[in-house]
Amino acid sequence: MDEHAALLQLLHDRSIRHGDFTLASGAHSTYYIDARPTTMSAEGLYLIGRLGVAALRARGWAPTSVGGLTMGADPVAYAVALASREAPPVLDAFSVRKEAKGHGTKRRVEGNFRAGAGVVVVEDVITSGGSAIQAIAAVQEAGGKVLGVLAVVDREQGGSAALAKRGHAVAVLTTATELGLL
């Protein structure tokens, strides 16, 4: 089984649930994708890292680091950063807090991030694009240049289009259609 097929199988085995769900966007759905059991598994980290680096390289994006809104984006960013060691140039990772801490450096963007650097914002699941939009705003406010957005799964519910409308290219590892959910 190739790595892409292995990721689809892992998502089916660990992350897709059927029922009646209210999503973070407020929309209702008959399925829910909780990517964390996949993105936080050893196999998922391995697959997402390798596929994520390949997707970045295919797009011609050359970021210095990858990251997004904590907590969903964190394992994706760490996986891609680690996998980049096998496919240089090596990338680092950062996290975007939902709000700045009231003490210490009081930053929203933490980790390996520096103003002026090109970065890719990562996401576990894109639905409305809201989390990626929040992360992009924080990165830009901190002086970063967003080259694009990389997501593990696109639910195909307008999030990628919303990001594109704001001028942000989106690369995805898989979609709800490919997962047989639509």
C-alpha atoms as a PDB file:
ATOM      1  CA  MET A   1       0.000   0.000   0.000  1.00  0.00           C
ATOM      2  CA  ASP A   2       1.429   3.403  -0.916  1.00  0.00           C
ATOM      3  CA  GLU A   3       1.733   6.171   1.684  1.00  0.00           C
ATOM      4  CA  HIS A   4      -1.305   8.101   0.440  1.00  0.00           C
ATOM      5  CA  ALA A   5      -3.535   5.025   0.586  1.00  0.00           C
ATOM      6  CA  ALA A   6      -2.123   4.220   4.037  1.00  0.00           C
ATOM      7  CA  LEU A   7      -3.092   7.718   5.260  1.00  0.00           C
ATOM      8  CA  LEU A   8      -6.639   7.307   3.921  1.00  0.00           C
ATOM      9  CA  GLN A   9      -6.949   3.950   5.685  1.00  0.00           C
ATOM     10  CA  LEU A  10      -5.600   5.389   8.936  1.00  0.00           C
ATOM     11  CA  LEU A  11      -8.075   8.285   8.781  1.00  0.00           C
ATOM     12  CA  HIS A  12     -10.918   5.810   8.241  1.00  0.00           C
ATOM     13  CA  ASP A  13      -9.744   3.581  11.077  1.00  0.00           C
ATOM     14  CA  ARG A  14      -9.078   6.299  13.659  1.00  0.00           C
ATOM     15  CA  SER A  15     -10.627   9.631  12.760  1.00  0.00           C
ATOM     16  CA  ILE A  16     -13.965   9.386  10.948  1.00  0.00           C
ATOM     17  CA  ARG A  17     -17.189   9.027  12.914  1.00  0.00           C
ATOM     18  CA  HIS A  18     -20.752   8.919  11.639  1.00  0.00           C
ATOM     19  CA  GLY A  19     -23.755  10.405  13.479  1.00  0.00           C
ATOM     20  CA  ASP A  20     -25.159  13.874  14.108  1.00  0.00           C
ATOM     21  CA  PHE A  21     -22.499  16.485  14.809  1.00  0.00           C
ATOM     22  CA  THR A  22     -22.207  20.253  15.204  1.00  0.00           C
ATOM     23  CA  LEU A  23     -18.919  21.472  13.748  1.00  0.00           C
ATOM     24  CA  ALA A  24     -16.738  24.313  15.034  1.00  0.00           C
ATOM     25  CA  SER A  25     -18.157  26.411  12.190  1.00  0.00           C
ATOM     26  CA  GLY A  26     -21.656  25.874  13.608  1.00  0.00           C
ATOM     27  CA  ALA A  27     -22.714  23.730  10.658  1.00  0.00           C
ATOM     28  CA  HIS A  28     -24.337  20.330  11.188  1.00  0.00           C
ATOM     29  CA  SER A  29     -22.894  17.183   9.654  1.00  0.00           C
ATOM     30  CA  THR A  30     -23.609  13.467   9.476  1.00  0.00           C
ATOM     31  CA  TYR A  31     -19.901  12.733   9.826  1.00  0.00           C
ATOM     32  CA  TYR A  32     -17.083  14.104  11.959  1.00  0.00           C
ATOM     33  CA  ILE A  33     -13.374  14.008  11.280  1.00  0.00           C
ATOM     34  CA  ASP A  34     -11.386  14.132  14.502  1.00  0.00           C
ATOM     35  CA  ALA A  35      -7.954  14.081  12.900  1.00  0.00           C
ATOM     36  CA  ARG A  36      -6.065  13.990  16.213  1.00  0.00           C
ATOM     37  CA  PRO A  37      -6.123  10.189  16.631  1.00  0.00           C
ATOM     38  CA  THR A  38      -4.431  10.045  13.228  1.00  0.00           C
ATOM     39  CA  THR A  39      -2.161  13.102  13.466  1.00  0.00           C
ATOM     40  CA  MET A  40      -1.000  12.128  16.955  1.00  0.00           C
ATOM     41  CA  SER A  41      -0.246   8.500  16.110  1.00  0.00           C
ATOM     42  CA  ALA A  42       3.239   7.300  15.194  1.00  0.00           C
ATOM     43  CA  GLU A  43       2.052   6.060  11.790  1.00  0.00           C
ATOM     44  CA  GLY A  44       0.078   9.236  11.151  1.00  0.00           C
ATOM     45  CA  LEU A  45       3.017  11.468  12.049  1.00  0.00           C
ATOM     46  CA  TYR A  46       5.234   9.496   9.685  1.00  0.00           C
ATOM     47  CA  LEU A  47       2.771   9.550   6.771  1.00  0.00           C
ATOM     48  CA  ILE A  48       1.650  13.166   7.215  1.00  0.00           C
ATOM     49  CA  GLY A  49       5.236  14.323   7.507  1.00  0.00           C
ATOM     50  CA  ARG A  50       6.378  12.615   4.319  1.00  0.00           C
ATOM     51  CA  LEU A  51       3.264  13.495   2.323  1.00  0.00           C
ATOM     52  CA  GLY A  52       3.271  17.045   3.675  1.00  0.00           C
ATOM     53  CA  VAL A  53       6.873  17.687   2.654  1.00  0.00           C
ATOM     54  CA  ALA A  54       6.138  16.239  -0.791  1.00  0.00           C
ATOM     55  CA  ALA A  55       3.105  18.538  -1.137  1.00  0.00           C
ATOM     56  CA  LEU A  56       5.171  21.608  -0.183  1.00  0.00           C
ATOM     57  CA  ARG A  57       7.895  20.706  -2.662  1.00  0.00           C
ATOM     58  CA  ALA A  58       5.334  20.006  -5.417  1.00  0.00           C
ATOM     59  CA  ARG A  59       3.871  23.494  -4.904  1.00  0.00           C
ATOM     60  CA  GLY A  60       7.306  25.074  -5.049  1.00  0.00           C
ATOM     61  CA  TRP A  61       6.861  26.532  -1.580  1.00  0.00           C
ATOM     62  CA  ALA A  62      10.140  27.081   0.253  1.00  0.00           C
ATOM     63  CA  PRO A  63       9.182  28.090   3.798  1.00  0.00           C
ATOM     64  CA  THR A  64      11.601  28.323   6.686  1.00  0.00           C
ATOM     65  CA  SER A  65       8.957  26.924   9.035  1.00  0.00           C
ATOM     66  CA  VAL A  66       5.452  25.510   9.237  1.00  0.00           C
ATOM     67  CA  GLY A  67       2.783  25.912  11.890  1.00  0.00           C
ATOM     68  CA  GLY A  68      -0.751  26.853  12.682  1.00  0.00           C
ATOM     69  CA  LEU A  69      -3.384  27.320  15.314  1.00  0.00           C
ATOM     70  CA  THR A  70      -2.779  25.138  18.335  1.00  0.00           C
ATOM     71  CA  MET A  71      -3.798  22.306  18.945  1.00  0.00           C
ATOM     72  CA  GLY A  72      -4.967  20.766  15.688  1.00  0.00           C
ATOM     73  CA  ALA A  73      -2.087  22.111  13.631  1.00  0.00           C
ATOM     74  CA  ASP A  74       0.682  21.245  16.091  1.00  0.00           C
ATOM     75  CA  PRO A  75       1.265  17.558  15.258  1.00  0.00           C
ATOM     76  CA  VAL A  76       0.971  18.329  11.530  1.00  0.00           C
ATOM     77  CA  ALA A  77       3.649  21.019  11.798  1.00  0.00           C
ATOM     78  CA  TYR A  78       5.946  18.817  13.885  1.00  0.00           C
ATOM     79  CA  ALA A  79       5.537  15.881  11.484  1.00  0.00           C
ATOM     80  CA  VAL A  80       6.359  17.991   8.430  1.00  0.00           C
ATOM     81  CA  ALA A  81       9.343  19.624  10.140  1.00  0.00           C
ATOM     82  CA  LEU A  82      10.794  16.255  11.181  1.00  0.00           C
ATOM     83  CA  ALA A  83      10.222  14.668   7.761  1.00  0.00           C
ATOM     84  CA  SER A  84      12.016  17.577   6.098  1.00  0.00           C
ATOM     85  CA  ARG A  85      15.278  16.234   7.540  1.00  0.00           C
ATOM     86  CA  GLU A  86      15.063  13.435   4.961  1.00  0.00           C
ATOM     87  CA  ALA A  87      14.150  15.844   2.143  1.00  0.00           C
ATOM     88  CA  PRO A  88      16.051  19.106   2.691  1.00  0.00           C
ATOM     89  CA  PRO A  89      15.887  21.990   3.009  1.00  0.00           C
ATOM     90  CA  VAL A  90      15.069  21.391   6.646  1.00  0.00           C
ATOM     91  CA  LEU A  91      12.033  23.184   8.073  1.00  0.00           C
ATOM     92  CA  ASP A  92      11.253  24.182  11.639  1.00  0.00           C
ATOM     93  CA  ALA A  93       7.864  24.394  13.340  1.00  0.00           C
ATOM     94  CA  PHE A  94       5.894  26.992  15.255  1.00  0.00           C
ATOM     95  CA  SER A  95       2.520  27.214  17.016  1.00  0.00           C
ATOM     96  CA  VAL A  96      -0.046  29.990  17.006  1.00  0.00           C
ATOM     97  CA  ARG A  97      -1.832  30.557  20.306  1.00  0.00           C
ATOM     98  CA  LYS A  98      -5.532  31.379  20.244  1.00  0.00           C
ATOM     99  CA  GLU A  99      -4.640  34.466  22.248  1.00  0.00           C
ATOM    100  CA  ALA A 100      -1.414  35.980  23.516  1.00  0.00           C
ATOM    101  CA  LYS A 101      -0.232  35.046  26.979  1.00  0.00           C
ATOM    102  CA  GLY A 102      -0.482  37.794  29.582  1.00  0.00           C
ATOM    103  CA  HIS A 103       3.062  37.162  30.795  1.00  0.00           C
ATOM    104  CA  GLY A 104       6.529  36.352  29.452  1.00  0.00           C
ATOM    105  CA  THR A 105       7.004  37.426  25.845  1.00  0.00           C
ATOM    106  CA  LYS A 106       3.239  37.894  25.351  1.00  0.00           C
ATOM    107  CA  ARG A 107       3.511  36.459  21.831  1.00  0.00           C
ATOM    108  CA  ARG A 108       0.843  34.574  19.913  1.00  0.00           C
ATOM    109  CA  VAL A 109       3.331  32.905  17.579  1.00  0.00           C
ATOM    110  CA  GLU A 110       5.695  30.626  19.493  1.00  0.00           C
ATOM    111  CA  GLY A 111       8.593  28.413  18.519  1.00  0.00           C
ATOM    112  CA  ASN A 112      10.726  28.660  15.406  1.00  0.00           C
ATOM    113  CA  PHE A 113       9.299  31.736  13.762  1.00  0.00           C
ATOM    114  CA  ARG A 114      10.900  35.005  12.812  1.00  0.00           C
ATOM    115  CA  ALA A 115       9.508  38.176  11.298  1.00  0.00           C
ATOM    116  CA  GLY A 116      10.120  38.476   7.568  1.00  0.00           C
ATOM    117  CA  ALA A 117      10.344  34.722   7.043  1.00  0.00           C
ATOM    118  CA  GLY A 118       8.205  32.782   4.577  1.00  0.00           C
ATOM    119  CA  VAL A 119       6.018  30.189   6.290  1.00  0.00           C
ATOM    120  CA  VAL A 120       3.291  27.708   5.441  1.00  0.00           C
ATOM    121  CA  VAL A 121       0.274  27.580   7.725  1.00  0.00           C
ATOM    122  CA  VAL A 122      -0.841  24.015   8.405  1.00  0.00           C
ATOM    123  CA  GLU A 123      -4.209  22.645   9.440  1.00  0.00           C
ATOM    124  CA  ASP A 124      -5.545  19.219  10.311  1.00  0.00           C
ATOM    125  CA  VAL A 125      -9.045  19.665   8.840  1.00  0.00           C
ATOM    126  CA  ILE A 126     -10.327  22.600   6.789  1.00  0.00           C
ATOM    127  CA  THR A 127     -14.071  23.221   6.967  1.00  0.00           C
ATOM    128  CA  SER A 128     -14.803  26.956   6.851  1.00  0.00           C
ATOM    129  CA  GLY A 129     -11.144  27.981   6.875  1.00  0.00           C
ATOM    130  CA  GLY A 130     -11.625  29.903  10.125  1.00  0.00           C
ATOM    131  CA  SER A 131      -8.710  28.389  12.044  1.00  0.00           C
ATOM    132  CA  ALA A 132      -6.305  28.908   9.155  1.00  0.00           C
ATOM    133  CA  ILE A 133      -7.537  32.495   8.728  1.00  0.00           C
ATOM    134  CA  GLN A 134      -6.886  33.158  12.443  1.00  0.00           C
ATOM    135  CA  ALA A 135      -3.407  31.646  12.192  1.00  0.00           C
ATOM    136  CA  ILE A 136      -2.617  33.643   9.043  1.00  0.00           C
ATOM    137  CA  ALA A 137      -3.688  36.878  10.742  1.00  0.00           C
ATOM    138  CA  ALA A 138      -1.451  36.174  13.751  1.00  0.00           C
ATOM    139  CA  VAL A 139       1.521  35.241  11.552  1.00  0.00           C
ATOM    140  CA  GLN A 140       1.114  38.352   9.418  1.00  0.00           C
ATOM    141  CA  GLU A 141       0.706  40.551  12.492  1.00  0.00           C
ATOM    142  CA  ALA A 142       4.003  39.110  13.775  1.00  0.00           C
ATOM    143  CA  GLY A 143       5.672  39.981  10.451  1.00  0.00           C
ATOM    144  CA  GLY A 144       5.609  36.602   8.715  1.00  0.00           C
ATOM    145  CA  LYS A 145       4.967  36.028   5.024  1.00  0.00           C
ATOM    146  CA  VAL A 146       2.413  33.261   4.392  1.00  0.00           C
ATOM    147  CA  LEU A 147       3.304  31.262   1.282  1.00  0.00           C
ATOM    148  CA  GLY A 148       0.230  29.020   1.464  1.00  0.00           C
ATOM    149  CA  VAL A 149      -1.843  26.650   3.561  1.00  0.00           C
ATOM    150  CA  LEU A 150      -1.345  22.885   3.862  1.00  0.00           C
ATOM    151  CA  ALA A 151      -4.158  20.747   5.283  1.00  0.00           C
ATOM    152  CA  VAL A 152      -4.428  17.045   5.957  1.00  0.00           C
ATOM    153  CA  VAL A 153      -8.162  16.920   5.063  1.00  0.00           C
ATOM    154  CA  ASP A 154     -10.394  19.343   3.179  1.00  0.00           C
ATOM    155  CA  ARG A 155     -14.059  18.772   4.053  1.00  0.00           C
ATOM    156  CA  GLU A 156     -14.877  20.663   0.826  1.00  0.00           C
ATOM    157  CA  GLN A 157     -17.314  22.971   2.582  1.00  0.00           C
ATOM    158  CA  GLY A 158     -15.960  26.288   1.384  1.00  0.00           C
ATOM    159  CA  GLY A 159     -12.845  26.684   3.513  1.00  0.00           C
ATOM    160  CA  SER A 160     -10.343  26.290   0.705  1.00  0.00           C
ATOM    161  CA  ALA A 161     -12.346  28.704  -1.447  1.00  0.00           C
ATOM    162  CA  ALA A 162     -12.483  31.235   1.416  1.00  0.00           C
ATOM    163  CA  LEU A 163      -8.710  31.029   1.789  1.00  0.00           C
ATOM    164  CA  ALA A 164      -8.168  31.318  -1.979  1.00  0.00           C
ATOM    165  CA  LYS A 165     -10.459  34.355  -2.062  1.00  0.00           C
ATOM    166  CA  ARG A 166      -8.113  35.964   0.487  1.00  0.00           C
ATOM    167  CA  GLY A 167      -5.146  35.199  -1.760  1.00  0.00           C
ATOM    168  CA  HIS A 168      -3.873  32.054  -0.021  1.00  0.00           C
ATOM    169  CA  ALA A 169      -3.159  28.951  -2.094  1.00  0.00           C
ATOM    170  CA  VAL A 170      -4.183  25.688  -0.439  1.00  0.00           C
ATOM    171  CA  ALA A 171      -2.627  22.232  -0.751  1.00  0.00           C
ATOM    172  CA  VAL A 172      -4.380  19.232   0.793  1.00  0.00           C
ATOM    173  CA  LEU A 173      -3.343  15.656   1.412  1.00  0.00           C
ATOM    174  CA  THR A 174      -6.895  14.353   0.947  1.00  0.00           C
ATOM    175  CA  THR A 175     -10.515  15.441   0.669  1.00  0.00           C
ATOM    176  CA  ALA A 176     -13.904  14.351   1.983  1.00  0.00           C
ATOM    177  CA  THR A 177     -14.720  13.113  -1.528  1.00  0.00           C
ATOM    178  CA  GLU A 178     -11.582  10.997  -1.694  1.00  0.00           C
ATOM    179  CA  LEU A 179     -12.443   9.594   1.742  1.00  0.00           C
ATOM    180  CA  GLY A 180     -15.876   8.588   0.406  1.00  0.00           C
ATOM    181  CA  LEU A 181     -17.746  11.000   2.697  1.00  0.00           C
ATOM    182  CA  LEU A 182     -19.425  13.088  -0.039  1.00  0.00           C
END
